[in-house]
Amino acid sequence: MSAINNPQSKGYLKVSSISYKDAGVDIDAGDALVERIKPLAKATMRPEVLTGIGGFGAVIEIAKKFKEPVLISGTDGVGTKLKLAFMLDKHDTVGIDLVAMSVNDILVQGAEPLFFLDYFATGKLELDTAEAVIRGIAEGCKQAGCALIGGETAEMPSMYPDGEYDLAGFAVGVAEKSKLIDGSTIKPGDVVLGLASSGCHSNGYSLVRKLVEVSGTDLKADFHGRPFGDVLMSPTRIYVKTLLALMEKLPVKGMAHITGGGLTGNIPRVLPDNCAVEISRSAWNWGPLFDWLQATAQIDNAEMYKTFNCGIGMVVVVAAEHADAAAAQLKSAGETVYTLGKVTARLGQGEQVIIQ
């Protein structure tokens, strides 16, 4: 096995000077991006943030209003919805998706999102594209009321095809220990409310893209008054502020963020083993997008329920005596609310979500 020649030896291969930029990493572009996003991050700040973007780490204190603060964390990405963003050259909303997927997850346990960090990785840093993505992240943080305190921008030549990137997000929230929501108080007779989604959110897009491909559907074609591509790219709805306000007024027993696994896969995550939910399919209208998806895929309702959110982005379980007040408050805050059904006793090891 040959050894690498010493740089000073006559046999060493000499080449002209090669910089990091020549190798595909533009440090100046990275610095320019940081300067562009500083005002975006600043607009999301909370009083608990002591140091933000620019250091090796951000420093956060816990608000004094919490007597026994518990930190709740979550992480997620946007998935293959990014492939549609690349196809459409539309990058201003996927950042909202990124924030939504994490903050909605920690919300269901009663957490108030405190801060968010992002990871943006690409083969070649395109400043305008990266800024559009991070502008969306900042908008998502505003909607959730959390601070964008930092993140990582990684330029890695040859790791990604030209014009593509990947995203990951990390959210940390805080809750009062005595007010954690874990579904343990759910019992038969409780009412199941559904909050409307804004579309597919960020799940099921491998199937969505396949259906677009096999059907030959034009993403620019009109679909109920909007370009079809815009309908598919509708950002995930963030339920944080409306549900935190509800929790301040009424006892919420359980919540389920309807993500991968759909209605039938996510609702059981908050149910006690001895409980099930019975949902009436006629209780809500899932809308033309899901009609198109089902008709194009030629799949039955059961497959739809475990693949997509089917028009319901969040499920909330409350006691029967609080159901009307909860629905009224959520509607007044701008949510579209459906009374989906009720909690029942589970029969043995039977299904925990019955939709009929």
Protein backbone atom coordinates (compact mmCIF):
# COMPACT_ATOMS: atom_id res chain seq x y z
CA MET A 1 0.00 0.00 0.00
CA SER A 2 1.47 3.32 -1.05
CA ALA A 3 1.83 6.17 1.39
CA ILE A 4 0.89 9.78 0.78
CA ASN A 5 3.97 11.71 -0.19
CA ASN A 6 5.29 14.39 2.11
CA PRO A 7 4.36 17.84 0.76
CA GLN A 8 8.04 18.76 0.73
CA SER A 9 9.12 15.72 -1.29
CA LYS A 10 9.78 15.85 -5.00
CA GLY A 11 7.07 13.25 -5.63
CA TYR A 12 4.25 15.36 -4.17
CA LEU A 13 1.58 16.41 -6.67
CA LYS A 14 1.49 20.21 -6.68
CA VAL A 15 -1.67 22.05 -7.71
CA SER A 16 -2.70 25.69 -7.86
CA SER A 17 -4.28 27.24 -4.77
CA ILE A 18 -7.77 25.86 -3.94
CA SER A 19 -10.03 27.71 -1.52
CA TYR A 20 -13.06 26.48 0.41
CA LYS A 21 -15.19 28.39 -2.10
CA ASP A 22 -13.49 26.52 -4.95
CA ALA A 23 -14.56 23.31 -3.21
CA GLY A 24 -18.16 24.50 -3.24
CA VAL A 25 -18.65 26.16 0.15
CA ASP A 26 -19.21 29.92 0.09
CA ILE A 27 -18.62 31.27 3.62
CA ASP A 28 -19.40 34.81 2.48
CA ALA A 29 -22.83 33.70 1.24
CA GLY A 30 -23.49 32.07 4.59
CA ASP A 31 -22.55 35.26 6.40
CA ALA A 32 -24.79 37.26 4.07
CA LEU A 33 -27.71 34.93 4.84
CA VAL A 34 -27.21 35.45 8.58
CA GLU A 35 -27.42 39.21 8.09
CA ARG A 36 -30.61 38.82 6.05
CA ILE A 37 -32.36 36.66 8.63
CA LYS A 38 -31.38 38.60 11.76
CA PRO A 39 -34.35 41.00 11.47
CA LEU A 40 -36.66 38.05 10.75
CA ALA A 41 -35.56 36.33 13.94
CA LYS A 42 -35.66 39.55 15.94
CA ALA A 43 -39.33 39.98 15.08
CA THR A 44 -40.12 36.66 16.82
CA MET A 45 -38.36 37.38 20.12
CA ARG A 46 -39.90 36.70 23.51
CA PRO A 47 -38.87 38.30 26.82
CA GLU A 48 -37.37 34.99 28.00
CA VAL A 49 -34.68 35.12 25.28
CA LEU A 50 -31.44 36.45 26.77
CA THR A 51 -29.14 35.83 23.79
CA GLY A 52 -30.16 34.82 20.31
CA ILE A 53 -28.68 34.48 16.82
CA GLY A 54 -24.93 35.03 16.54
CA GLY A 55 -23.49 33.05 19.43
CA PHE A 56 -22.64 29.38 19.73
CA GLY A 57 -25.89 28.85 21.61
CA ALA A 58 -28.95 30.82 22.67
CA VAL A 59 -29.78 31.46 26.32
CA ILE A 60 -33.39 31.24 27.50
CA GLU A 61 -34.90 31.63 30.94
CA ILE A 62 -38.18 30.13 32.10
CA ALA A 63 -40.93 32.67 32.74
CA LYS A 64 -41.61 33.24 36.43
CA LYS A 65 -45.34 32.55 35.95
CA PHE A 66 -44.61 28.81 36.07
CA LYS A 67 -44.40 27.26 39.56
CA GLU A 68 -43.27 23.81 38.40
CA PRO A 69 -42.14 24.28 34.80
CA VAL A 70 -41.78 21.22 32.58
CA LEU A 71 -40.02 21.43 29.22
CA ILE A 72 -41.57 19.58 26.28
CA SER A 73 -39.63 19.16 23.04
CA GLY A 74 -40.37 18.02 19.54
CA THR A 75 -38.63 17.70 16.18
CA ASP A 76 -39.83 17.09 12.64
CA GLY A 77 -39.30 17.96 9.00
CA VAL A 78 -41.46 18.78 6.00
CA GLY A 79 -41.00 15.51 4.13
CA THR A 80 -41.48 15.07 0.41
CA LYS A 81 -43.71 18.13 0.23
CA LEU A 82 -40.35 19.79 -0.43
CA LYS A 83 -40.27 18.04 -3.81
CA LEU A 84 -43.34 20.02 -4.81
CA ALA A 85 -41.68 23.20 -3.60
CA PHE A 86 -38.74 22.46 -5.91
CA MET A 87 -41.04 21.68 -8.86
CA LEU A 88 -43.02 24.89 -8.38
CA ASP A 89 -40.04 27.00 -7.30
CA LYS A 90 -42.18 28.04 -4.34
CA HIS A 91 -40.27 28.31 -1.08
CA ASP A 92 -42.13 30.88 1.01
CA THR A 93 -44.51 28.52 2.87
CA VAL A 94 -42.54 25.36 3.67
CA GLY A 95 -40.99 27.16 6.64
CA ILE A 96 -44.47 27.52 8.13
CA ASP A 97 -44.94 23.77 7.65
CA LEU A 98 -41.66 23.13 9.43
CA VAL A 99 -42.65 25.10 12.51
CA ALA A 100 -46.20 23.76 12.53
CA MET A 101 -45.21 20.11 12.60
CA SER A 102 -43.22 20.54 15.81
CA VAL A 103 -45.23 23.16 17.70
CA ASN A 104 -48.55 21.38 17.08
CA ASP A 105 -46.98 18.19 18.42
CA ILE A 106 -45.83 19.69 21.71
CA LEU A 107 -49.05 21.68 22.04
CA VAL A 108 -51.11 18.52 22.50
CA GLN A 109 -49.38 17.89 25.83
CA GLY A 110 -50.23 21.38 27.02
CA ALA A 111 -46.98 23.09 26.08
CA GLU A 112 -46.68 26.75 25.21
CA PRO A 113 -43.97 26.82 22.50
CA LEU A 114 -41.02 28.81 23.80
CA PHE A 115 -38.39 28.68 21.09
CA PHE A 116 -37.58 27.09 17.74
CA LEU A 117 -34.39 26.19 15.89
CA ASP A 118 -34.04 25.15 12.26
CA TYR A 119 -31.58 23.13 10.20
CA PHE A 120 -31.30 24.07 6.52
CA ALA A 121 -29.01 21.90 4.39
CA THR A 122 -28.24 22.33 0.70
CA GLY A 123 -25.60 21.55 -1.88
CA LYS A 124 -25.16 25.16 -2.99
CA LEU A 125 -26.51 28.05 -0.94
CA GLU A 126 -28.90 30.19 -2.97
CA LEU A 127 -29.47 33.29 -0.88
CA ASP A 128 -32.91 34.22 -2.19
CA THR A 129 -34.25 30.69 -1.79
CA ALA A 130 -32.80 30.29 1.70
CA GLU A 131 -34.16 33.66 2.77
CA ALA A 132 -37.64 32.75 1.49
CA VAL A 133 -37.57 29.51 3.46
CA ILE A 134 -36.41 31.18 6.66
CA ARG A 135 -38.90 34.01 6.20
CA GLY A 136 -41.56 31.30 6.28
CA ILE A 137 -40.01 29.82 9.43
CA ALA A 138 -40.18 33.24 11.08
CA GLU A 139 -43.81 33.60 10.04
CA GLY A 140 -44.57 30.19 11.54
CA CYS A 141 -42.90 31.23 14.78
CA LYS A 142 -45.03 34.38 14.87
CA GLN A 143 -48.17 32.31 14.40
CA ALA A 144 -47.08 30.01 17.23
CA GLY A 145 -45.84 32.79 19.50
CA CYS A 146 -42.38 31.26 19.87
CA ALA A 147 -38.94 32.76 19.30
CA LEU A 148 -36.69 31.78 16.41
CA ILE A 149 -33.46 31.79 18.37
CA GLY A 150 -31.04 30.20 15.93
CA GLY A 151 -30.31 27.25 13.70
CA GLU A 152 -27.79 25.82 11.28
CA THR A 153 -27.24 26.48 7.60
CA ALA A 154 -25.15 23.72 6.06
CA GLU A 155 -23.72 24.04 2.54
CA MET A 156 -22.57 20.58 1.47
CA PRO A 157 -21.50 20.25 -2.18
CA SER A 158 -22.60 17.03 -3.93
CA MET A 159 -24.89 16.00 -1.06
CA TYR A 160 -28.04 17.38 -2.72
CA PRO A 161 -29.13 17.88 -6.34
CA ASP A 162 -28.91 21.42 -7.68
CA GLY A 163 -31.74 23.61 -6.43
CA GLU A 164 -32.75 21.25 -3.63
CA TYR A 165 -32.43 21.39 0.14
CA ASP A 166 -33.68 19.65 3.27
CA LEU A 167 -35.18 21.03 6.45
CA ALA A 168 -35.48 19.94 10.06
CA GLY A 169 -36.98 21.82 12.96
CA PHE A 170 -36.74 21.65 16.74
CA ALA A 171 -39.25 23.18 19.16
CA VAL A 172 -39.15 23.46 22.95
CA GLY A 173 -42.17 24.45 24.98
CA VAL A 174 -43.00 24.86 28.64
CA ALA A 175 -45.99 23.76 30.68
CA GLU A 176 -47.06 23.71 34.29
CA LYS A 177 -46.41 20.20 35.60
CA SER A 178 -49.84 20.01 37.21
CA LYS A 179 -51.51 21.00 33.93
CA LEU A 180 -49.88 18.49 31.58
CA ILE A 181 -52.37 16.91 29.18
CA ASP A 182 -51.90 13.18 28.66
CA GLY A 183 -55.41 11.86 27.97
CA SER A 184 -55.54 9.93 31.25
CA THR A 185 -58.83 11.57 32.32
CA ILE A 186 -60.66 10.72 29.09
CA LYS A 187 -63.70 8.53 29.71
CA PRO A 188 -66.82 7.30 27.89
CA GLY A 189 -69.27 10.10 27.24
CA ASP A 190 -66.63 12.74 26.47
CA VAL A 191 -67.03 14.65 23.22
CA VAL A 192 -64.61 14.60 20.30
CA LEU A 193 -64.15 17.90 18.45
CA GLY A 194 -62.29 18.27 15.17
CA LEU A 195 -60.51 21.41 13.97
CA ALA A 196 -60.34 21.83 10.21
CA SER A 197 -57.02 21.45 8.43
CA SER A 198 -55.80 23.75 5.67
CA GLY A 199 -55.20 20.82 3.33
CA CYS A 200 -52.84 17.86 3.45
CA HIS A 201 -50.55 19.78 5.83
CA SER A 202 -47.20 17.94 5.56
CA ASN A 203 -48.21 14.30 5.31
CA GLY A 204 -49.01 11.87 2.53
CA TYR A 205 -47.02 13.73 -0.12
CA SER A 206 -45.28 10.67 -1.51
CA LEU A 207 -48.74 9.49 -2.57
CA VAL A 208 -49.86 13.00 -3.56
CA ARG A 209 -46.88 13.43 -5.90
CA LYS A 210 -47.43 9.95 -7.36
CA LEU A 211 -51.06 10.80 -8.10
CA VAL A 212 -50.10 14.07 -9.76
CA GLU A 213 -47.59 12.17 -11.88
CA VAL A 214 -49.82 9.28 -12.99
CA SER A 215 -52.84 11.51 -13.61
CA GLY A 216 -50.85 14.05 -15.59
CA THR A 217 -52.50 16.86 -13.63
CA ASP A 218 -51.22 20.34 -14.43
CA LEU A 219 -50.17 22.01 -11.20
CA LYS A 220 -51.04 25.38 -12.73
CA ALA A 221 -54.59 24.33 -13.59
CA ASP A 222 -57.50 25.94 -11.75
CA PHE A 223 -58.82 23.90 -8.84
CA HIS A 224 -61.88 25.48 -7.25
CA GLY A 225 -60.57 28.99 -7.81
CA ARG A 226 -56.87 28.46 -7.09
CA PRO A 227 -53.94 26.93 -8.99
CA PHE A 228 -53.75 23.25 -8.01
CA GLY A 229 -50.10 23.61 -7.00
CA ASP A 230 -51.01 26.37 -4.54
CA VAL A 231 -53.72 24.15 -3.04
CA LEU A 232 -51.20 21.35 -2.50
CA MET A 233 -48.67 23.78 -1.03
CA SER A 234 -51.09 25.33 1.49
CA PRO A 235 -49.07 25.54 4.71
CA THR A 236 -49.96 23.50 7.76
CA ARG A 237 -52.36 25.25 10.11
CA ILE A 238 -50.86 26.22 13.46
CA TYR A 239 -53.36 25.74 16.30
CA VAL A 240 -51.22 27.02 19.16
CA LYS A 241 -52.80 30.34 20.08
CA THR A 242 -56.43 29.24 19.82
CA LEU A 243 -55.87 26.06 21.84
CA LEU A 244 -53.73 27.72 24.50
CA ALA A 245 -56.56 30.22 24.96
CA LEU A 246 -59.06 27.37 25.22
CA MET A 247 -56.94 25.64 27.87
CA GLU A 248 -56.96 28.84 29.91
CA LYS A 249 -60.77 28.83 30.01
CA LEU A 250 -61.83 25.18 29.99
CA PRO A 251 -60.36 21.80 30.97
CA VAL A 252 -59.09 19.98 27.88
CA LYS A 253 -58.75 16.23 28.41
CA GLY A 254 -56.76 15.27 25.35
CA MET A 255 -55.58 16.45 21.94
CA ALA A 256 -54.24 14.65 18.89
CA HIS A 257 -52.28 16.31 16.10
CA ILE A 258 -53.33 14.49 12.93
CA THR A 259 -50.09 13.86 11.09
CA GLY A 260 -48.56 10.70 9.58
CA GLY A 261 -50.93 7.83 10.28
CA GLY A 262 -53.99 9.99 9.80
CA LEU A 263 -57.08 9.94 11.99
CA THR A 264 -56.94 6.26 12.82
CA GLY A 265 -53.25 6.31 13.67
CA ASN A 266 -53.06 9.44 15.83
CA ILE A 267 -56.22 9.58 17.93
CA PRO A 268 -55.35 6.34 19.83
CA ARG A 269 -52.11 7.97 21.00
CA VAL A 270 -54.09 10.05 23.51
CA LEU A 271 -56.74 7.50 24.51
CA PRO A 272 -56.63 5.27 27.61
CA ASP A 273 -56.51 1.58 26.66
CA ASN A 274 -60.10 1.06 27.79
CA CYS A 275 -61.51 3.82 25.59
CA ALA A 276 -62.41 4.19 21.92
CA VAL A 277 -63.99 6.96 19.88
CA GLU A 278 -66.96 6.69 17.58
CA ILE A 279 -66.88 9.28 14.81
CA SER A 280 -69.64 10.04 12.33
CA ARG A 281 -68.34 10.44 8.78
CA SER A 282 -71.25 12.79 8.07
CA ALA A 283 -70.07 15.16 10.83
CA TRP A 284 -67.64 16.97 8.56
CA ASN A 285 -66.98 17.74 4.92
CA TRP A 286 -63.42 16.91 3.98
CA GLY A 287 -63.52 19.10 0.88
CA PRO A 288 -62.65 18.84 -2.82
CA LEU A 289 -58.92 18.14 -2.38
CA PHE A 290 -59.53 14.92 -0.50
CA ASP A 291 -62.31 14.00 -2.93
CA TRP A 292 -59.76 14.35 -5.75
CA LEU A 293 -57.13 12.34 -3.89
CA GLN A 294 -59.53 9.49 -3.15
CA ALA A 295 -60.99 9.39 -6.67
CA THR A 296 -57.58 9.54 -8.34
CA ALA A 297 -56.01 6.92 -6.06
CA GLN A 298 -59.15 4.75 -6.11
CA ILE A 299 -58.73 3.87 -2.44
CA ASP A 300 -61.41 3.26 0.18
CA ASN A 301 -62.21 5.38 3.21
CA ALA A 302 -60.16 3.21 5.57
CA GLU A 303 -57.02 3.85 3.50
CA MET A 304 -57.78 7.56 3.38
CA TYR A 305 -58.20 7.73 7.16
CA LYS A 306 -54.75 6.25 7.79
CA THR A 307 -52.94 8.19 5.05
CA PHE A 308 -54.28 11.75 5.24
CA ASN A 309 -55.76 14.08 7.84
CA CYS A 310 -58.92 14.09 5.67
CA GLY A 311 -59.70 17.69 6.56
CA ILE A 312 -59.15 17.42 10.33
CA GLY A 313 -55.81 18.77 11.53
CA MET A 314 -56.38 18.57 15.28
CA VAL A 315 -58.70 16.56 17.51
CA VAL A 316 -59.74 17.87 20.94
CA VAL A 317 -61.48 15.81 23.63
CA VAL A 318 -63.52 17.59 26.30
CA ALA A 319 -66.19 16.63 28.81
CA ALA A 320 -69.73 16.69 27.41
CA GLU A 321 -70.69 19.62 29.64
CA HIS A 322 -67.89 21.73 28.15
CA ALA A 323 -68.33 20.76 24.49
CA ASP A 324 -70.63 23.59 23.40
CA ALA A 325 -68.57 26.27 25.15
CA ALA A 326 -65.31 24.87 23.76
CA ALA A 327 -66.67 24.78 20.21
CA ALA A 328 -68.05 28.31 20.54
CA GLN A 329 -64.76 29.71 21.81
CA LEU A 330 -62.74 28.00 19.08
CA LYS A 331 -65.12 29.24 16.39
CA SER A 332 -64.93 32.79 17.72
CA ALA A 333 -61.12 32.55 17.47
CA GLY A 334 -61.34 31.66 13.78
CA GLU A 335 -61.26 27.87 13.82
CA THR A 336 -63.68 25.72 11.83
CA VAL A 337 -64.93 23.22 14.39
CA TYR A 338 -66.83 19.96 13.94
CA THR A 339 -68.41 17.78 16.62
CA LEU A 340 -67.07 14.50 15.32
CA GLY A 341 -68.44 12.06 17.86
CA LYS A 342 -67.93 10.72 21.35
CA VAL A 343 -65.73 8.55 23.52
CA THR A 344 -67.04 5.04 24.22
CA ALA A 345 -65.87 2.00 26.13
CA ARG A 346 -63.45 -0.09 24.09
CA LEU A 347 -64.52 -3.63 23.42
CA GLY A 348 -61.64 -5.87 24.46
CA GLN A 349 -58.70 -5.23 22.14
CA GLY A 350 -60.91 -3.82 19.43
CA GLU A 351 -60.31 -0.77 17.28
CA GLN A 352 -59.98 2.54 19.13
CA VAL A 353 -61.23 4.68 16.24
CA ILE A 354 -64.51 3.72 14.63
CA ILE A 355 -65.60 5.96 11.76
CA GLN A 356 -68.96 5.17 10.24
